[in-house]
Protein backbone atom coordinates (compact mmCIF):
# COMPACT_ATOMS: atom_id res chain seq x y z
CA ILE A 1 8.81 5.27 -10.08
CA GLY A 2 8.15 1.90 -9.40
CA GLU A 3 8.59 -1.66 -10.45
CA ILE A 4 6.25 -4.22 -12.34
CA PHE A 5 6.61 -7.86 -11.23
CA PHE A 6 4.98 -11.06 -12.88
CA THR A 7 2.85 -13.37 -11.18
CA SER A 8 0.64 -16.47 -12.03
CA GLY A 9 -2.52 -14.19 -12.22
CA GLY A 10 -4.43 -11.48 -10.76
CA THR A 11 -5.11 -13.46 -7.56
CA GLU A 12 -1.51 -13.74 -6.66
CA SER A 13 -0.88 -10.11 -7.31
CA ASN A 14 -3.91 -9.16 -5.05
CA ASN A 15 -2.58 -11.43 -2.42
CA MET A 16 1.06 -10.16 -2.75
CA ALA A 17 -0.31 -6.45 -2.36
CA LEU A 18 -2.40 -7.06 0.77
CA LYS A 19 -0.06 -9.36 2.69
CA CYS A 20 3.19 -7.76 1.87
CA ALA A 21 1.74 -4.23 2.94
CA VAL A 22 0.63 -5.95 6.23
CA ARG A 23 4.03 -7.81 6.60
CA ASP A 24 6.54 -5.36 5.03
CA LEU A 25 4.89 -1.84 5.52
CA GLY A 26 3.17 -2.26 8.95
CA VAL A 27 -0.35 -1.64 7.48
CA GLN A 28 -2.62 -2.42 10.55
CA ARG A 29 -6.05 -1.62 8.93
CA ILE A 30 -7.51 -2.19 5.57
CA ILE A 31 -10.49 -0.38 3.92
CA SER A 32 -12.15 -2.22 1.10
CA SER A 33 -15.90 -3.03 -0.16
CA PRO A 34 -18.08 -5.96 0.48
CA THR A 35 -18.41 -6.61 -3.46
CA GLU A 36 -14.53 -7.06 -4.00
CA HIS A 37 -13.42 -10.13 -5.71
CA HIS A 38 -13.37 -13.10 -3.57
CA CYS A 39 -9.68 -13.30 -3.76
CA ILE A 40 -9.50 -10.11 -1.91
CA LEU A 41 -12.32 -10.72 0.59
CA HIS A 42 -10.86 -14.26 1.52
CA THR A 43 -7.48 -12.60 2.14
CA LEU A 44 -9.01 -9.89 4.12
CA GLU A 45 -10.79 -12.64 6.22
CA ALA A 46 -7.24 -14.26 6.89
CA LEU A 47 -5.40 -11.09 7.52
CA GLU A 48 -7.95 -10.25 10.24
CA VAL A 49 -7.79 -13.62 12.16
CA ASN A 50 -4.09 -14.42 11.47
CA ASN A 51 -2.46 -10.86 11.74
CA SER A 52 -5.03 -8.74 13.88
CA VAL A 53 -5.47 -6.35 10.99
CA HIS A 54 -8.67 -4.38 11.43
CA ILE A 55 -10.81 -4.37 8.35
CA ASP A 56 -13.54 -1.70 7.50
CA TYR A 57 -15.96 -1.84 4.64
CA VAL A 58 -16.95 1.48 2.90
CA HIS A 59 -20.54 1.69 2.23
CA LEU A 60 -21.93 1.27 -1.27
CA ASP A 61 -25.03 3.21 -2.66
CA ASP A 62 -28.23 1.28 -4.22
CA LYS A 63 -26.14 0.57 -7.64
CA GLY A 64 -23.20 -0.92 -5.76
CA ARG A 65 -20.90 2.32 -5.95
CA VAL A 66 -18.46 3.42 -3.44
CA GLU A 67 -19.71 6.27 -1.34
CA VAL A 68 -16.73 8.50 -1.25
CA ALA A 69 -17.91 10.63 1.58
CA HIS A 70 -18.01 7.30 3.89
CA LEU A 71 -14.58 6.55 2.55
CA ASP A 72 -13.38 9.81 3.45
CA GLU A 73 -14.94 9.69 6.98
CA LEU A 74 -13.13 6.09 7.43
CA LEU A 75 -9.83 7.66 6.31
CA GLN A 76 -10.12 10.41 8.92
CA ASP A 77 -8.98 7.90 11.53
CA THR A 78 -5.10 7.97 11.15
CA SER A 79 -4.23 6.04 14.25
CA LYS A 80 -3.18 2.82 12.45
CA LYS A 81 -1.32 2.53 9.13
CA THR A 82 -4.27 2.12 6.45
CA LEU A 83 -4.52 0.65 2.87
CA VAL A 84 -7.36 0.89 0.93
CA SER A 85 -7.94 -1.51 -1.50
CA LEU A 86 -10.84 -1.10 -4.14
CA MET A 87 -11.16 -2.65 -7.44
CA HIS A 88 -11.22 -0.26 -10.57
CA SER A 89 -14.24 -2.11 -12.11
CA ASN A 90 -16.41 -4.60 -10.30
CA ASN A 91 -16.37 -8.08 -12.28
CA GLU A 92 -19.99 -8.75 -11.60
CA ILE A 93 -21.88 -5.37 -11.56
CA GLY A 94 -19.67 -3.36 -13.60
CA THR A 95 -19.43 -0.31 -11.02
CA MET A 96 -16.25 1.50 -11.24
CA ILE A 97 -14.25 3.88 -9.00
CA ASP A 98 -12.46 7.02 -9.95
CA LEU A 99 -8.71 6.02 -9.25
CA ASP A 100 -7.83 9.67 -9.17
CA VAL A 101 -10.45 10.65 -6.54
CA ILE A 102 -9.58 7.69 -4.43
CA SER A 103 -5.87 8.37 -4.86
CA GLN A 104 -6.22 11.87 -3.76
CA LEU A 105 -8.20 10.89 -0.57
CA CYS A 106 -5.68 8.58 0.31
CA GLN A 107 -2.79 10.95 -0.31
CA GLN A 108 -4.61 13.44 1.95
CA TYR A 109 -4.69 11.03 4.93
CA GLY A 110 -1.43 9.27 4.25
CA ALA A 111 -3.26 5.99 3.46
CA LEU A 112 -1.60 3.45 0.82
CA PHE A 113 -4.10 2.64 -2.17
CA HIS A 114 -4.28 -0.80 -3.94
CA SER A 115 -6.40 -1.27 -6.98
CA ASP A 116 -7.17 -4.61 -8.69
CA THR A 117 -7.34 -3.37 -12.49
CA VAL A 118 -7.74 -7.03 -13.69
CA GLN A 119 -11.00 -5.98 -15.44
CA THR A 120 -9.92 -2.70 -16.78
CA MET A 121 -6.17 -2.94 -17.85
CA GLY A 122 -5.74 -2.60 -21.45
CA TYR A 123 -9.07 -0.69 -21.83
CA TYR A 124 -8.86 2.45 -19.77
CA PRO A 125 -5.63 4.37 -19.54
CA ILE A 126 -3.92 4.44 -16.13
CA ASP A 127 -0.87 6.62 -15.59
CA VAL A 128 0.91 5.94 -12.35
CA THR A 129 3.19 8.99 -12.81
CA LYS A 130 -0.05 11.10 -12.40
CA THR A 131 -2.34 9.01 -10.32
CA LYS A 132 -0.38 7.93 -7.19
CA ILE A 133 -1.31 4.09 -6.62
CA ASN A 134 0.88 2.28 -4.32
CA PHE A 135 -0.09 -1.41 -5.58
CA LEU A 136 -1.93 -2.16 -9.21
CA SER A 137 -2.67 -5.63 -10.24
CA GLY A 138 -3.76 -7.06 -13.39
CA SER A 139 -3.92 -10.38 -15.37
CA ALA A 140 -2.85 -10.55 -19.01
CA HIS A 141 -5.59 -12.92 -20.34
CA LYS A 142 -8.03 -10.23 -19.93
CA PHE A 143 -6.30 -8.08 -22.64
CA HIS A 144 -5.41 -10.96 -25.13
CA GLY A 145 -2.37 -12.03 -23.23
CA PRO A 146 -1.63 -15.54 -22.11
CA LYS A 147 -3.53 -17.20 -19.35
CA GLY A 148 -1.65 -17.80 -16.10
CA VAL A 149 0.35 -14.57 -16.38
CA GLY A 150 -0.47 -11.79 -14.17
CA PHE A 151 1.43 -8.71 -12.74
CA ILE A 152 1.57 -6.05 -10.07
CA TYR A 153 2.84 -2.47 -10.14
CA ILE A 154 4.42 -1.53 -6.84
CA ASN A 155 5.38 1.99 -6.48
CA GLY A 156 9.13 2.58 -5.97
CA ASN A 157 8.29 4.13 -2.38
CA ASN A 158 7.15 0.64 -1.04
CA ILE A 159 9.81 -1.79 -0.47
CA ILE A 160 8.54 -5.30 0.17
CA LYS A 161 10.54 -8.50 0.69
């Protein structure tokens, strides 16, 4: 089904998902949101400059929630291999995405899906056998584990180096 790899924290896990998707899986376009954690936004900027990755930002409503209709519209362009990277719950404003809905949209259009679940792991059930997620990142200290320990789930269909 997949593998879990331990890292030094959520930032390393998020960076691994984004950078390895570009390097090893041929991702040329990433769709994310402007309210992602800064470790995602900084990595997106670097990938855009250094790797010529095209970055699209999905629209948010007045409460900061992802506009799923706009995401659907963005995903309709299948000319480049695409990764969608959206955090499960925003660490500053508390908005959440529906992992099942985003996963289904990504599957419909052949896009990979990464979710930063640092804020929700251990508090919300996530079953990767039912909800197709290619990359899922987390950090142990958010659910009473040791600081300096993170993890990334990588679906077994995605072989990275």
